[in-house]
Amino acid sequence: MTPMSRFYADEPTREREIAMYVDGKYLARGRASEARSPATYGFKGWETIPPDRLTFERDKGPFSYDRPYMCWASGERLTATEILTWLRETA
């Protein structure tokens, strides 16, 4: 897992965006802290999708700048356990 802060370097008061995927398919995005609930308890929709079917991607711009980009092209997918670890470490 690549080291990354919870907030953007270019916007230090803005929490990093996170994309969430179910079985590899994009579902939604939101602030990093909003990933805690689905990563812990599953995504609640018509039915609850368990955390082991979810993956997460942190927003990361290309070319070394750290500001909102949201093209979801980093290729890094984190499991529910990995995103929870990252949220704890960057709290």
N, C-alpha and C. Protein backbone atom coordinates (compact mmCIF):
# COMPACT_ATOMS: atom_id res chain seq x y z
N MET A 1 0.85 -1.18 0.00
CA MET A 1 0.00 0.00 0.00
C MET A 1 0.90 1.24 0.00
N THR A 2 0.67 2.12 -0.96
CA THR A 2 1.46 3.33 -1.09
C THR A 2 1.13 4.32 0.02
N PRO A 3 2.15 4.91 0.69
CA PRO A 3 1.87 5.92 1.71
C PRO A 3 1.13 7.11 1.09
N MET A 4 0.12 7.58 1.77
CA MET A 4 -0.67 8.70 1.26
C MET A 4 -1.39 9.33 2.44
N SER A 5 -1.44 10.66 2.47
CA SER A 5 -2.10 11.35 3.57
C SER A 5 -3.62 11.31 3.39
N ARG A 6 -4.32 11.60 4.45
CA ARG A 6 -5.79 11.62 4.41
C ARG A 6 -6.29 12.86 3.67
N PHE A 7 -5.51 13.94 3.71
CA PHE A 7 -5.89 15.20 3.07
C PHE A 7 -4.95 15.49 1.90
N TYR A 8 -5.45 16.21 0.92
CA TYR A 8 -4.64 16.59 -0.24
C TYR A 8 -3.59 17.61 0.15
N ALA A 9 -2.39 17.47 -0.38
CA ALA A 9 -1.31 18.42 -0.09
C ALA A 9 -1.67 19.81 -0.62
N ASP A 10 -2.30 19.89 -1.79
CA ASP A 10 -2.66 21.18 -2.38
C ASP A 10 -3.91 21.79 -1.77
N GLU A 11 -4.69 20.98 -1.02
CA GLU A 11 -5.89 21.47 -0.33
C GLU A 11 -5.94 20.79 1.03
N PRO A 12 -5.12 21.24 1.98
CA PRO A 12 -4.94 20.53 3.25
C PRO A 12 -6.18 20.44 4.15
N THR A 13 -7.26 21.13 3.82
CA THR A 13 -8.48 21.01 4.62
C THR A 13 -9.51 20.11 3.93
N ARG A 14 -9.19 19.60 2.75
CA ARG A 14 -10.11 18.75 2.00
C ARG A 14 -9.70 17.29 2.13
N GLU A 15 -10.63 16.49 2.62
CA GLU A 15 -10.35 15.07 2.79
C GLU A 15 -10.31 14.38 1.42
N ARG A 16 -9.35 13.49 1.28
CA ARG A 16 -9.16 12.75 0.02
C ARG A 16 -10.41 11.97 -0.35
N GLU A 17 -10.70 11.90 -1.63
CA GLU A 17 -11.83 11.13 -2.14
C GLU A 17 -11.43 9.66 -2.29
N ILE A 18 -12.41 8.80 -2.11
CA ILE A 18 -12.22 7.35 -2.21
C ILE A 18 -13.30 6.80 -3.14
N ALA A 19 -12.92 5.95 -4.08
CA ALA A 19 -13.89 5.25 -4.92
C ALA A 19 -14.11 3.86 -4.32
N MET A 20 -15.33 3.38 -4.42
CA MET A 20 -15.65 2.04 -3.91
C MET A 20 -16.15 1.18 -5.07
N TYR A 21 -15.70 -0.06 -5.07
CA TYR A 21 -16.05 -1.02 -6.11
C TYR A 21 -16.67 -2.26 -5.47
N VAL A 22 -17.63 -2.85 -6.17
CA VAL A 22 -18.21 -4.13 -5.76
C VAL A 22 -17.84 -5.14 -6.84
N ASP A 23 -17.15 -6.18 -6.43
CA ASP A 23 -16.70 -7.21 -7.38
C ASP A 23 -15.97 -6.58 -8.57
N GLY A 24 -15.19 -5.53 -8.29
CA GLY A 24 -14.39 -4.88 -9.32
C GLY A 24 -15.12 -3.83 -10.15
N LYS A 25 -16.41 -3.62 -9.91
CA LYS A 25 -17.18 -2.65 -10.68
C LYS A 25 -17.42 -1.40 -9.83
N TYR A 26 -17.17 -0.23 -10.44
CA TYR A 26 -17.34 1.04 -9.74
C TYR A 26 -18.76 1.19 -9.20
N LEU A 27 -18.86 1.63 -7.94
CA LEU A 27 -20.17 1.84 -7.33
C LEU A 27 -20.39 3.29 -6.94
N ALA A 28 -19.44 3.88 -6.22
CA ALA A 28 -19.65 5.23 -5.69
C ALA A 28 -18.33 5.82 -5.25
N ARG A 29 -18.37 7.11 -4.91
CA ARG A 29 -17.21 7.77 -4.35
C ARG A 29 -17.66 8.69 -3.23
N GLY A 30 -16.72 9.07 -2.38
CA GLY A 30 -17.01 9.97 -1.28
C GLY A 30 -15.75 10.28 -0.52
N ARG A 31 -15.88 11.05 0.55
CA ARG A 31 -14.74 11.39 1.39
C ARG A 31 -14.18 10.12 2.04
N ALA A 32 -12.90 10.15 2.31
CA ALA A 32 -12.20 8.98 2.87
C ALA A 32 -12.92 8.42 4.09
N SER A 33 -13.34 9.28 5.01
CA SER A 33 -13.97 8.80 6.24
C SER A 33 -15.28 8.06 5.98
N GLU A 34 -15.92 8.31 4.84
CA GLU A 34 -17.16 7.62 4.51
C GLU A 34 -16.94 6.16 4.11
N ALA A 35 -15.69 5.77 3.89
CA ALA A 35 -15.38 4.38 3.55
C ALA A 35 -15.38 3.48 4.78
N ARG A 36 -15.30 4.07 5.97
CA ARG A 36 -15.19 3.28 7.20
C ARG A 36 -16.39 2.35 7.39
N SER A 37 -17.60 2.85 7.24
CA SER A 37 -18.79 2.03 7.49
C SER A 37 -18.91 0.85 6.53
N PRO A 38 -18.85 1.05 5.20
CA PRO A 38 -18.95 -0.12 4.32
C PRO A 38 -17.78 -1.09 4.48
N ALA A 39 -16.59 -0.56 4.76
CA ALA A 39 -15.43 -1.44 4.94
C ALA A 39 -15.57 -2.28 6.21
N THR A 40 -16.31 -1.78 7.18
CA THR A 40 -16.50 -2.50 8.44
C THR A 40 -17.73 -3.40 8.41
N TYR A 41 -18.87 -2.85 7.95
CA TYR A 41 -20.15 -3.55 8.05
C TYR A 41 -20.72 -4.01 6.72
N GLY A 42 -20.11 -3.61 5.63
CA GLY A 42 -20.64 -3.92 4.31
C GLY A 42 -21.43 -2.75 3.77
N PHE A 43 -21.70 -2.78 2.47
CA PHE A 43 -22.47 -1.72 1.83
C PHE A 43 -23.94 -2.08 1.90
N LYS A 44 -24.73 -1.18 2.47
CA LYS A 44 -26.15 -1.44 2.64
C LYS A 44 -26.94 -0.81 1.50
N GLY A 45 -27.56 -1.63 0.69
CA GLY A 45 -28.42 -1.20 -0.41
C GLY A 45 -29.69 -2.02 -0.32
N TRP A 46 -30.11 -2.60 -1.45
CA TRP A 46 -31.26 -3.51 -1.41
C TRP A 46 -30.94 -4.70 -0.53
N GLU A 47 -29.68 -5.08 -0.55
CA GLU A 47 -29.16 -6.12 0.33
C GLU A 47 -27.80 -5.63 0.81
N THR A 48 -27.29 -6.23 1.85
CA THR A 48 -25.97 -5.82 2.35
C THR A 48 -24.90 -6.60 1.61
N ILE A 49 -23.99 -5.86 1.00
CA ILE A 49 -22.87 -6.47 0.29
C ILE A 49 -21.72 -6.56 1.27
N PRO A 50 -21.21 -7.74 1.57
CA PRO A 50 -20.18 -7.89 2.60
C PRO A 50 -18.86 -7.22 2.21
N PRO A 51 -18.09 -6.80 3.22
CA PRO A 51 -16.82 -6.12 2.97
C PRO A 51 -15.84 -6.90 2.10
N ASP A 52 -15.90 -8.22 2.14
CA ASP A 52 -14.94 -8.99 1.34
C ASP A 52 -15.20 -8.90 -0.17
N ARG A 53 -16.33 -8.33 -0.57
CA ARG A 53 -16.61 -8.11 -1.99
C ARG A 53 -16.30 -6.68 -2.43
N LEU A 54 -15.90 -5.84 -1.47
CA LEU A 54 -15.62 -4.43 -1.75
C LEU A 54 -14.12 -4.18 -1.89
N THR A 55 -13.77 -3.27 -2.79
CA THR A 55 -12.41 -2.75 -2.88
C THR A 55 -12.52 -1.23 -2.96
N PHE A 56 -11.41 -0.56 -2.65
CA PHE A 56 -11.40 0.89 -2.57
C PHE A 56 -10.18 1.43 -3.30
N GLU A 57 -10.33 2.63 -3.86
CA GLU A 57 -9.23 3.30 -4.54
C GLU A 57 -9.15 4.74 -4.05
N ARG A 58 -7.97 5.15 -3.64
CA ARG A 58 -7.77 6.52 -3.16
C ARG A 58 -7.48 7.43 -4.34
N ASP A 59 -8.06 8.60 -4.34
CA ASP A 59 -7.83 9.57 -5.41
C ASP A 59 -6.39 10.03 -5.39
N LYS A 60 -5.75 9.91 -6.53
CA LYS A 60 -4.35 10.31 -6.65
C LYS A 60 -4.12 10.86 -8.05
N GLY A 61 -3.68 12.11 -8.11
CA GLY A 61 -3.40 12.72 -9.40
C GLY A 61 -2.10 12.20 -9.99
N PRO A 62 -1.95 12.30 -11.30
CA PRO A 62 -0.70 11.86 -11.94
C PRO A 62 0.41 12.89 -11.75
N PHE A 63 1.60 12.51 -12.10
CA PHE A 63 2.74 13.43 -12.18
C PHE A 63 3.15 14.05 -10.84
N SER A 64 2.96 13.40 -9.74
CA SER A 64 3.46 13.84 -8.43
C SER A 64 2.70 14.99 -7.79
N TYR A 65 1.67 15.55 -8.41
CA TYR A 65 0.92 16.57 -7.68
C TYR A 65 -0.18 15.89 -6.88
N ASP A 66 -0.53 16.51 -5.78
CA ASP A 66 -1.52 15.89 -4.89
C ASP A 66 -2.68 16.84 -4.70
N ARG A 67 -3.60 16.79 -5.65
CA ARG A 67 -4.82 17.58 -5.58
C ARG A 67 -5.94 16.73 -6.19
N PRO A 68 -7.19 17.09 -5.96
CA PRO A 68 -8.28 16.27 -6.48
C PRO A 68 -8.15 16.03 -7.99
N TYR A 69 -8.31 14.78 -8.37
CA TYR A 69 -8.19 14.38 -9.77
C TYR A 69 -9.39 13.53 -10.17
N MET A 70 -9.72 12.54 -9.38
CA MET A 70 -10.89 11.68 -9.50
C MET A 70 -11.10 11.04 -10.86
N CYS A 71 -10.01 10.61 -11.47
CA CYS A 71 -10.13 9.84 -12.71
C CYS A 71 -10.00 8.34 -12.43
N TRP A 72 -9.70 8.01 -11.21
CA TRP A 72 -9.63 6.63 -10.76
C TRP A 72 -8.78 5.78 -11.69
N ALA A 73 -7.56 6.23 -11.88
CA ALA A 73 -6.67 5.53 -12.80
C ALA A 73 -5.39 5.04 -12.15
N SER A 74 -5.31 5.10 -10.84
CA SER A 74 -4.06 4.70 -10.18
C SER A 74 -3.83 3.20 -10.27
N GLY A 75 -4.91 2.43 -10.40
CA GLY A 75 -4.78 0.99 -10.47
C GLY A 75 -4.61 0.32 -9.12
N GLU A 76 -4.45 1.11 -8.07
CA GLU A 76 -4.28 0.55 -6.73
C GLU A 76 -5.65 0.27 -6.13
N ARG A 77 -5.91 -0.97 -5.82
CA ARG A 77 -7.18 -1.34 -5.18
C ARG A 77 -6.87 -1.87 -3.79
N LEU A 78 -7.52 -1.30 -2.81
CA LEU A 78 -7.32 -1.71 -1.42
C LEU A 78 -8.51 -2.53 -0.95
N THR A 79 -8.23 -3.54 -0.17
CA THR A 79 -9.30 -4.34 0.44
C THR A 79 -9.92 -3.54 1.58
N ALA A 80 -11.02 -4.03 2.11
CA ALA A 80 -11.66 -3.38 3.24
C ALA A 80 -10.70 -3.30 4.43
N THR A 81 -9.96 -4.35 4.69
CA THR A 81 -8.99 -4.35 5.79
C THR A 81 -7.90 -3.31 5.57
N GLU A 82 -7.41 -3.20 4.33
CA GLU A 82 -6.35 -2.23 4.03
C GLU A 82 -6.84 -0.80 4.15
N ILE A 83 -8.08 -0.52 3.70
CA ILE A 83 -8.58 0.86 3.80
C ILE A 83 -8.81 1.22 5.25
N LEU A 84 -9.27 0.28 6.07
CA LEU A 84 -9.47 0.56 7.50
C LEU A 84 -8.12 0.82 8.19
N THR A 85 -7.10 0.07 7.83
CA THR A 85 -5.76 0.30 8.37
C THR A 85 -5.28 1.69 8.00
N TRP A 86 -5.43 2.06 6.74
CA TRP A 86 -5.01 3.37 6.28
C TRP A 86 -5.79 4.48 7.00
N LEU A 87 -7.09 4.30 7.19
CA LEU A 87 -7.88 5.32 7.90
C LEU A 87 -7.40 5.47 9.34
N ARG A 88 -7.07 4.36 9.99
CA ARG A 88 -6.55 4.43 11.37
C ARG A 88 -5.21 5.13 11.42
N GLU A 89 -4.34 4.80 10.48
CA GLU A 89 -2.98 5.37 10.47
C GLU A 89 -2.95 6.84 10.12
N THR A 90 -3.96 7.33 9.42
CA THR A 90 -3.96 8.73 9.00
C THR A 90 -4.93 9.58 9.80
N ALA A 91 -5.51 9.02 10.85
CA ALA A 91 -6.49 9.77 11.67
C ALA A 91 -5.83 10.95 12.36
